[in-house]
């Protein structure tokens, strides 16, 4: 995201995408995600439109139902056990 626009514009866009009642932790989490994606993007194959749509749908669902998410340690445990 940073390469296509300036850092300030990227942050403004991120804030516009978050709900008005978001917490500072929500903002920090999204900023860290953006930083990680930007850093690793050169090593990744581009997402297909279907993959983008699936990710957007999941982010929308998590914004509507934040309690449906699981802690990252639990997600990692499930991945390691292939659950």
PDB file of N, CA and C in Angstrom:
ATOM      1  N   UNK A   1       0.823  -1.189   0.000  1.00  0.00           N
ATOM      2  CA  UNK A   1       0.000   0.000   0.000  1.00  0.00           C
ATOM      3  C   UNK A   1       0.865   1.249   0.000  1.00  0.00           C
ATOM      4  N   UNK A   2       1.957   1.227   0.772  1.00  0.00           N
ATOM      5  CA  UNK A   2       2.803   2.402   0.890  1.00  0.00           C
ATOM      6  C   UNK A   2       3.427   2.783  -0.436  1.00  0.00           C
ATOM      7  N   UNK A   3       3.789   1.792  -1.249  1.00  0.00           N
ATOM      8  CA  UNK A   3       4.434   2.115  -2.505  1.00  0.00           C
ATOM      9  C   UNK A   3       3.482   2.813  -3.471  1.00  0.00           C
ATOM     10  N   UNK A   4       2.200   2.530  -3.419  1.00  0.00           N
ATOM     11  CA  UNK A   4       1.226   3.140  -4.318  1.00  0.00           C
ATOM     12  C   UNK A   4       0.819   4.532  -3.836  1.00  0.00           C
ATOM     13  N   UNK A   5       0.968   4.799  -2.558  1.00  0.00           N
ATOM     14  CA  UNK A   5       0.602   6.098  -2.005  1.00  0.00           C
ATOM     15  C   UNK A   5       1.511   6.399  -0.831  1.00  0.00           C
ATOM     16  N   UNK A   6       1.514   7.632  -0.383  1.00  0.00           N
ATOM     17  CA  UNK A   6       2.340   8.014   0.750  1.00  0.00           C
ATOM     18  C   UNK A   6       1.849   7.381   2.039  1.00  0.00           C
ATOM     19  N   UNK A   7       2.702   7.393   3.030  1.00  0.00           N
ATOM     20  CA  UNK A   7       2.369   6.794   4.322  1.00  0.00           C
ATOM     21  C   UNK A   7       1.152   7.471   4.945  1.00  0.00           C
ATOM     22  N   UNK A   8       1.113   8.801   4.904  1.00  0.00           N
ATOM     23  CA  UNK A   8      -0.020   9.512   5.496  1.00  0.00           C
ATOM     24  C   UNK A   8      -1.325   9.156   4.792  1.00  0.00           C
ATOM     25  N   UNK A   9      -1.274   9.050   3.470  1.00  0.00           N
ATOM     26  CA  UNK A   9      -2.473   8.664   2.728  1.00  0.00           C
ATOM     27  C   UNK A   9      -2.892   7.238   3.079  1.00  0.00           C
ATOM     28  N   UNK A  10      -1.925   6.342   3.246  1.00  0.00           N
ATOM     29  CA  UNK A  10      -2.232   4.954   3.605  1.00  0.00           C
ATOM     30  C   UNK A  10      -2.912   4.895   4.967  1.00  0.00           C
ATOM     31  N   UNK A  11      -2.422   5.689   5.920  1.00  0.00           N
ATOM     32  CA  UNK A  11      -3.018   5.712   7.260  1.00  0.00           C
ATOM     33  C   UNK A  11      -4.417   6.320   7.211  1.00  0.00           C
ATOM     34  N   UNK A  12      -4.589   7.385   6.448  1.00  0.00           N
ATOM     35  CA  UNK A  12      -5.914   7.990   6.310  1.00  0.00           C
ATOM     36  C   UNK A  12      -6.906   6.992   5.715  1.00  0.00           C
ATOM     37  N   UNK A  13      -6.471   6.257   4.704  1.00  0.00           N
ATOM     38  CA  UNK A  13      -7.333   5.247   4.084  1.00  0.00           C
ATOM     39  C   UNK A  13      -7.697   4.168   5.091  1.00  0.00           C
ATOM     40  N   UNK A  14      -6.711   3.715   5.847  1.00  0.00           N
ATOM     41  CA  UNK A  14      -6.960   2.691   6.868  1.00  0.00           C
ATOM     42  C   UNK A  14      -7.988   3.189   7.882  1.00  0.00           C
ATOM     43  N   UNK A  15      -7.825   4.416   8.358  1.00  0.00           N
ATOM     44  CA  UNK A  15      -8.761   4.959   9.344  1.00  0.00           C
ATOM     45  C   UNK A  15     -10.165   5.094   8.769  1.00  0.00           C
ATOM     46  N   UNK A  16     -10.266   5.458   7.510  1.00  0.00           N
ATOM     47  CA  UNK A  16     -11.582   5.562   6.871  1.00  0.00           C
ATOM     48  C   UNK A  16     -12.267   4.204   6.773  1.00  0.00           C
ATOM     49  N   UNK A  17     -11.478   3.138   6.659  1.00  0.00           N
ATOM     50  CA  UNK A  17     -12.045   1.797   6.513  1.00  0.00           C
ATOM     51  C   UNK A  17     -12.503   1.208   7.845  1.00  0.00           C
ATOM     52  N   UNK A  18     -11.938   1.685   8.949  1.00  0.00           N
ATOM     53  CA  UNK A  18     -12.306   1.157  10.265  1.00  0.00           C
ATOM     54  C   UNK A  18     -13.613   1.776  10.752  1.00  0.00           C
ATOM     55  N   UNK A  19     -14.363   1.048  11.569  1.00  0.00           N
ATOM     56  CA  UNK A  19     -15.608   1.613  12.102  1.00  0.00           C
ATOM     57  C   UNK A  19     -15.306   2.773  13.054  1.00  0.00           C
ATOM     58  N   UNK A  20     -16.273   3.669  13.221  1.00  0.00           N
ATOM     59  CA  UNK A  20     -16.084   4.841  14.068  1.00  0.00           C
ATOM     60  C   UNK A  20     -15.810   4.476  15.526  1.00  0.00           C
ATOM     61  N   UNK A  21     -16.297   3.330  15.969  1.00  0.00           N
ATOM     62  CA  UNK A  21     -16.112   2.937  17.368  1.00  0.00           C
ATOM     63  C   UNK A  21     -14.909   2.017  17.566  1.00  0.00           C
ATOM     64  N   UNK A  22     -13.954   2.041  16.642  1.00  0.00           N
ATOM     65  CA  UNK A  22     -12.784   1.173  16.771  1.00  0.00           C
ATOM     66  C   UNK A  22     -11.915   1.634  17.938  1.00  0.00           C
ATOM     67  N   UNK A  23     -11.103   0.725  18.433  1.00  0.00           N
ATOM     68  CA  UNK A  23     -10.179   1.038  19.522  1.00  0.00           C
ATOM     69  C   UNK A  23      -8.799   1.324  18.950  1.00  0.00           C
ATOM     70  N   UNK A  24      -7.941   1.875  19.781  1.00  0.00           N
ATOM     71  CA  UNK A  24      -6.560   2.120  19.353  1.00  0.00           C
ATOM     72  C   UNK A  24      -5.872   0.787  19.028  1.00  0.00           C
ATOM     73  N   UNK A  25      -6.252  -0.270  19.744  1.00  0.00           N
ATOM     74  CA  UNK A  25      -5.699  -1.593  19.456  1.00  0.00           C
ATOM     75  C   UNK A  25      -6.093  -2.055  18.056  1.00  0.00           C
ATOM     76  N   UNK A  26      -7.324  -1.758  17.631  1.00  0.00           N
ATOM     77  CA  UNK A  26      -7.761  -2.091  16.277  1.00  0.00           C
ATOM     78  C   UNK A  26      -6.901  -1.374  15.237  1.00  0.00           C
ATOM     79  N   UNK A  27      -6.627  -0.098  15.503  1.00  0.00           N
ATOM     80  CA  UNK A  27      -5.825   0.698  14.573  1.00  0.00           C
ATOM     81  C   UNK A  27      -4.404   0.137  14.503  1.00  0.00           C
ATOM     82  N   UNK A  28      -3.819  -0.136  15.656  1.00  0.00           N
ATOM     83  CA  UNK A  28      -2.448  -0.656  15.694  1.00  0.00           C
ATOM     84  C   UNK A  28      -2.366  -2.003  14.987  1.00  0.00           C
ATOM     85  N   UNK A  29      -3.348  -2.861  15.247  1.00  0.00           N
ATOM     86  CA  UNK A  29      -3.371  -4.188  14.608  1.00  0.00           C
ATOM     87  C   UNK A  29      -3.405  -4.054  13.088  1.00  0.00           C
ATOM     88  N   UNK A  30      -4.250  -3.173  12.583  1.00  0.00           N
ATOM     89  CA  UNK A  30      -4.341  -2.984  11.129  1.00  0.00           C
ATOM     90  C   UNK A  30      -3.066  -2.373  10.559  1.00  0.00           C
ATOM     91  N   UNK A  31      -2.447  -1.443  11.297  1.00  0.00           N
ATOM     92  CA  UNK A  31      -1.186  -0.860  10.836  1.00  0.00           C
ATOM     93  C   UNK A  31      -0.087  -1.926  10.765  1.00  0.00           C
ATOM     94  N   UNK A  32      -0.027  -2.767  11.775  1.00  0.00           N
ATOM     95  CA  UNK A  32       0.972  -3.840  11.764  1.00  0.00           C
ATOM     96  C   UNK A  32       0.718  -4.807  10.618  1.00  0.00           C
ATOM     97  N   UNK A  33      -0.531  -5.082  10.355  1.00  0.00           N
ATOM     98  CA  UNK A  33      -0.874  -5.959   9.245  1.00  0.00           C
ATOM     99  C   UNK A  33      -0.446  -5.340   7.921  1.00  0.00           C
ATOM    100  N   UNK A  34      -0.721  -4.059   7.746  1.00  0.00           N
ATOM    101  CA  UNK A  34      -0.298  -3.370   6.531  1.00  0.00           C
ATOM    102  C   UNK A  34       1.210  -3.413   6.370  1.00  0.00           C
ATOM    103  N   UNK A  35       1.924  -3.167   7.453  1.00  0.00           N
ATOM    104  CA  UNK A  35       3.386  -3.171   7.402  1.00  0.00           C
ATOM    105  C   UNK A  35       3.899  -4.552   7.013  1.00  0.00           C
ATOM    106  N   UNK A  36       3.326  -5.583   7.594  1.00  0.00           N
ATOM    107  CA  UNK A  36       3.742  -6.946   7.286  1.00  0.00           C
ATOM    108  C   UNK A  36       3.438  -7.293   5.836  1.00  0.00           C
ATOM    109  N   UNK A  37       2.269  -6.935   5.383  1.00  0.00           N
ATOM    110  CA  UNK A  37       1.885  -7.221   3.997  1.00  0.00           C
ATOM    111  C   UNK A  37       2.792  -6.481   3.037  1.00  0.00           C
ATOM    112  N   UNK A  38       3.049  -5.201   3.296  1.00  0.00           N
ATOM    113  CA  UNK A  38       3.923  -4.420   2.421  1.00  0.00           C
ATOM    114  C   UNK A  38       5.322  -5.018   2.367  1.00  0.00           C
ATOM    115  N   UNK A  39       5.839  -5.444   3.521  1.00  0.00           N
ATOM    116  CA  UNK A  39       7.190  -5.984   3.588  1.00  0.00           C
ATOM    117  C   UNK A  39       7.286  -7.305   2.845  1.00  0.00           C
ATOM    118  N   UNK A  40       6.280  -8.143   2.984  1.00  0.00           N
ATOM    119  CA  UNK A  40       6.322  -9.491   2.419  1.00  0.00           C
ATOM    120  C   UNK A  40       5.712  -9.584   1.025  1.00  0.00           C
ATOM    121  N   UNK A  41       5.086  -8.526   0.558  1.00  0.00           N
ATOM    122  CA  UNK A  41       4.330  -8.567  -0.689  1.00  0.00           C
ATOM    123  C   UNK A  41       5.203  -8.947  -1.879  1.00  0.00           C
ATOM    124  N   UNK A  42       6.442  -8.518  -1.893  1.00  0.00           N
ATOM    125  CA  UNK A  42       7.303  -8.805  -3.034  1.00  0.00           C
ATOM    126  C   UNK A  42       7.591 -10.293  -3.172  1.00  0.00           C
ATOM    127  N   UNK A  43       7.446 -11.044  -2.094  1.00  0.00           N
ATOM    128  CA  UNK A  43       7.714 -12.476  -2.120  1.00  0.00           C
ATOM    129  C   UNK A  43       6.469 -13.301  -2.439  1.00  0.00           C
ATOM    130  N   UNK A  44       5.322 -12.675  -2.485  1.00  0.00           N
ATOM    131  CA  UNK A  44       4.067 -13.383  -2.669  1.00  0.00           C
ATOM    132  C   UNK A  44       3.558 -13.273  -4.094  1.00  0.00           C
ATOM    133  N   UNK A  45       2.838 -14.300  -4.506  1.00  0.00           N
ATOM    134  CA  UNK A  45       2.140 -14.227  -5.782  1.00  0.00           C
ATOM    135  C   UNK A  45       0.933 -13.319  -5.604  1.00  0.00           C
ATOM    136  N   UNK A  46       0.538 -12.620  -6.632  1.00  0.00           N
ATOM    137  CA  UNK A  46      -0.648 -11.765  -6.506  1.00  0.00           C
ATOM    138  C   UNK A  46      -1.891 -12.600  -6.186  1.00  0.00           C
ATOM    139  N   UNK A  47      -2.784 -12.022  -5.399  1.00  0.00           N
ATOM    140  CA  UNK A  47      -4.032 -12.711  -5.076  1.00  0.00           C
ATOM    141  C   UNK A  47      -4.957 -12.696  -6.287  1.00  0.00           C
ATOM    142  N   UNK A  48      -5.708 -13.763  -6.411  1.00  0.00           N
ATOM    143  CA  UNK A  48      -6.742 -13.779  -7.442  1.00  0.00           C
ATOM    144  C   UNK A  48      -7.917 -12.944  -6.943  1.00  0.00           C
ATOM    145  N   UNK A  49      -8.814 -12.596  -7.835  1.00  0.00           N
ATOM    146  CA  UNK A  49      -9.997 -11.836  -7.422  1.00  0.00           C
ATOM    147  C   UNK A  49     -10.832 -12.643  -6.429  1.00  0.00           C
ATOM    148  N   UNK A  50     -10.928 -13.952  -6.629  1.00  0.00           N
ATOM    149  CA  UNK A  50     -11.687 -14.808  -5.695  1.00  0.00           C
ATOM    150  C   UNK A  50     -11.054 -14.784  -4.309  1.00  0.00           C
ATOM    151  N   UNK A  51      -9.725 -14.789  -4.232  1.00  0.00           N
ATOM    152  CA  UNK A  51      -9.044 -14.729  -2.944  1.00  0.00           C
ATOM    153  C   UNK A  51      -9.271 -13.373  -2.278  1.00  0.00           C
ATOM    154  N   UNK A  52      -9.209 -12.305  -3.052  1.00  0.00           N
ATOM    155  CA  UNK A  52      -9.478 -10.973  -2.504  1.00  0.00           C
ATOM    156  C   UNK A  52     -10.902 -10.884  -1.960  1.00  0.00           C
ATOM    157  N   UNK A  53     -11.845 -11.405  -2.731  1.00  0.00           N
ATOM    158  CA  UNK A  53     -13.246 -11.378  -2.303  1.00  0.00           C
ATOM    159  C   UNK A  53     -13.439 -12.168  -1.011  1.00  0.00           C
ATOM    160  N   UNK A  54     -12.786 -13.323  -0.909  1.00  0.00           N
ATOM    161  CA  UNK A  54     -12.895 -14.156   0.291  1.00  0.00           C
ATOM    162  C   UNK A  54     -12.297 -13.431   1.498  1.00  0.00           C
ATOM    163  N   UNK A  55     -11.151 -12.802   1.332  1.00  0.00           N
ATOM    164  CA  UNK A  55     -10.535 -12.052   2.432  1.00  0.00           C
ATOM    165  C   UNK A  55     -11.400 -10.868   2.843  1.00  0.00           C
ATOM    166  N   UNK A  56     -11.941 -10.147   1.870  1.00  0.00           N
ATOM    167  CA  UNK A  56     -12.823  -9.019   2.187  1.00  0.00           C
ATOM    168  C   UNK A  56     -14.052  -9.479   2.952  1.00  0.00           C
ATOM    169  N   UNK A  57     -14.617 -10.602   2.531  1.00  0.00           N
ATOM    170  CA  UNK A  57     -15.803 -11.137   3.210  1.00  0.00           C
ATOM    171  C   UNK A  57     -15.467 -11.524   4.650  1.00  0.00           C
ATOM    172  N   UNK A  58     -14.298 -12.122   4.848  1.00  0.00           N
ATOM    173  CA  UNK A  58     -13.895 -12.519   6.200  1.00  0.00           C
ATOM    174  C   UNK A  58     -13.637 -11.294   7.080  1.00  0.00           C
ATOM    175  N   UNK A  59     -12.997 -10.273   6.546  1.00  0.00           N
ATOM    176  CA  UNK A  59     -12.781  -9.047   7.323  1.00  0.00           C
ATOM    177  C   UNK A  59     -14.110  -8.381   7.676  1.00  0.00           C
ATOM    178  N   UNK A  60     -15.038  -8.370   6.734  1.00  0.00           N
ATOM    179  CA  UNK A  60     -16.363  -7.810   7.009  1.00  0.00           C
ATOM    180  C   UNK A  60     -17.055  -8.589   8.120  1.00  0.00           C
ATOM    181  N   UNK A  61     -16.968  -9.916   8.054  1.00  0.00           N
ATOM    182  CA  UNK A  61     -17.601 -10.760   9.073  1.00  0.00           C
ATOM    183  C   UNK A  61     -16.978 -10.503  10.439  1.00  0.00           C
ATOM    184  N   UNK A  62     -15.649 -10.397  10.492  1.00  0.00           N
ATOM    185  CA  UNK A  62     -14.979 -10.157  11.769  1.00  0.00           C
ATOM    186  C   UNK A  62     -15.307  -8.778  12.332  1.00  0.00           C
ATOM    187  N   UNK A  63     -15.527  -7.799  11.474  1.00  0.00           N
ATOM    188  CA  UNK A  63     -15.931  -6.478  11.964  1.00  0.00           C
ATOM    189  C   UNK A  63     -17.344  -6.519  12.540  1.00  0.00           C
ATOM    190  N   UNK A  64     -18.224  -7.301  11.893  1.00  0.00           N
ATOM    191  CA  UNK A  64     -19.600  -7.428  12.386  1.00  0.00           C
ATOM    192  C   UNK A  64     -19.676  -8.292  13.631  1.00  0.00           C
ATOM    193  N   UNK A  65     -18.831  -9.334  13.701  1.00  0.00           N
ATOM    194  CA  UNK A  65     -18.880 -10.319  14.784  1.00  0.00           C
ATOM    195  C   UNK A  65     -17.487 -10.529  15.377  1.00  0.00           C
ATOM    196  N   UNK A  66     -16.931  -9.528  16.070  1.00  0.00           N
ATOM    197  CA  UNK A  66     -15.558  -9.666  16.564  1.00  0.00           C
ATOM    198  C   UNK A  66     -15.369 -10.836  17.524  1.00  0.00           C
ATOM    199  N   UNK A  67     -16.435 -11.221  18.200  1.00  0.00           N
ATOM    200  CA  UNK A  67     -16.335 -12.346  19.134  1.00  0.00           C
ATOM    201  C   UNK A  67     -16.163 -13.685  18.427  1.00  0.00           C
ATOM    202  N   UNK A  68     -16.382 -13.711  17.115  1.00  0.00           N
ATOM    203  CA  UNK A  68     -16.242 -14.972  16.374  1.00  0.00           C
ATOM    204  C   UNK A  68     -14.783 -15.300  16.060  1.00  0.00           C
ATOM    205  N   UNK A  69     -13.892 -14.324  16.239  1.00  0.00           N
ATOM    206  CA  UNK A  69     -12.470 -14.575  16.004  1.00  0.00           C
ATOM    207  C   UNK A  69     -11.868 -15.392  17.137  1.00  0.00           C
ATOM    208  N   UNK A  70     -10.686 -15.916  16.890  1.00  0.00           N
ATOM    209  CA  UNK A  70      -9.987 -16.674  17.924  1.00  0.00           C
ATOM    210  C   UNK A  70      -8.606 -16.056  18.120  1.00  0.00           C
ATOM    211  N   UNK A  71      -8.017 -16.220  19.304  1.00  0.00           N
ATOM    212  CA  UNK A  71      -6.666 -15.697  19.528  1.00  0.00           C
ATOM    213  C   UNK A  71      -5.664 -16.364  18.581  1.00  0.00           C
ATOM    214  N   UNK A  72      -4.617 -15.633  18.232  1.00  0.00           N
ATOM    215  CA  UNK A  72      -3.662 -16.155  17.254  1.00  0.00           C
ATOM    216  C   UNK A  72      -2.984 -17.426  17.747  1.00  0.00           C
ATOM    217  N   UNK A  73      -2.784 -17.562  19.044  1.00  0.00           N
ATOM    218  CA  UNK A  73      -2.159 -18.802  19.565  1.00  0.00           C
ATOM    219  C   UNK A  73      -3.059 -20.005  19.299  1.00  0.00           C
ATOM    220  N   UNK A  74      -4.360 -19.805  19.439  1.00  0.00           N
ATOM    221  CA  UNK A  74      -5.310 -20.883  19.150  1.00  0.00           C
ATOM    222  C   UNK A  74      -5.309 -21.205  17.663  1.00  0.00           C
ATOM    223  N   UNK A  75      -5.262 -20.182  16.829  1.00  0.00           N
ATOM    224  CA  UNK A  75      -5.202 -20.415  15.384  1.00  0.00           C
ATOM    225  C   UNK A  75      -3.944 -21.202  15.022  1.00  0.00           C
ATOM    226  N   UNK A  76      -2.823 -20.818  15.607  1.00  0.00           N
ATOM    227  CA  UNK A  76      -1.569 -21.522  15.344  1.00  0.00           C
ATOM    228  C   UNK A  76      -1.661 -22.977  15.800  1.00  0.00           C
ATOM    229  N   UNK A  77      -2.247 -23.208  16.967  1.00  0.00           N
ATOM    230  CA  UNK A  77      -2.414 -24.583  17.474  1.00  0.00           C
ATOM    231  C   UNK A  77      -3.247 -25.407  16.505  1.00  0.00           C
ATOM    232  N   UNK A  78      -4.330 -24.821  15.999  1.00  0.00           N
ATOM    233  CA  UNK A  78      -5.186 -25.535  15.037  1.00  0.00           C
ATOM    234  C   UNK A  78      -4.446 -25.838  13.746  1.00  0.00           C
ATOM    235  N   UNK A  79      -3.659 -24.879  13.287  1.00  0.00           N
ATOM    236  CA  UNK A  79      -2.889 -25.102  12.059  1.00  0.00           C
ATOM    237  C   UNK A  79      -1.883 -26.231  12.272  1.00  0.00           C
ATOM    238  N   UNK A  80      -1.189 -26.196  13.391  1.00  0.00           N
ATOM    239  CA  UNK A  80      -0.194 -27.232  13.667  1.00  0.00           C
ATOM    240  C   UNK A  80      -0.833 -28.614  13.781  1.00  0.00           C
ATOM    241  N   UNK A  81      -2.042 -28.686  14.309  1.00  0.00           N
ATOM    242  CA  UNK A  81      -2.757 -29.963  14.435  1.00  0.00           C
ATOM    243  C   UNK A  81      -3.596 -30.283  13.209  1.00  0.00           C
ATOM    244  N   UNK A  82      -3.598 -29.339  12.246  1.00  0.00           N
ATOM    245  CA  UNK A  82      -4.378 -29.490  11.005  1.00  0.00           C
ATOM    246  C   UNK A  82      -5.857 -29.695  11.306  1.00  0.00           C
ATOM    247  N   UNK A  83      -6.376 -28.923  12.239  1.00  0.00           N
ATOM    248  CA  UNK A  83      -7.812 -29.004  12.594  1.00  0.00           C
ATOM    249  C   UNK A  83      -8.625 -28.182  11.633  1.00  0.00           C
TER     250      UNK A  83
END
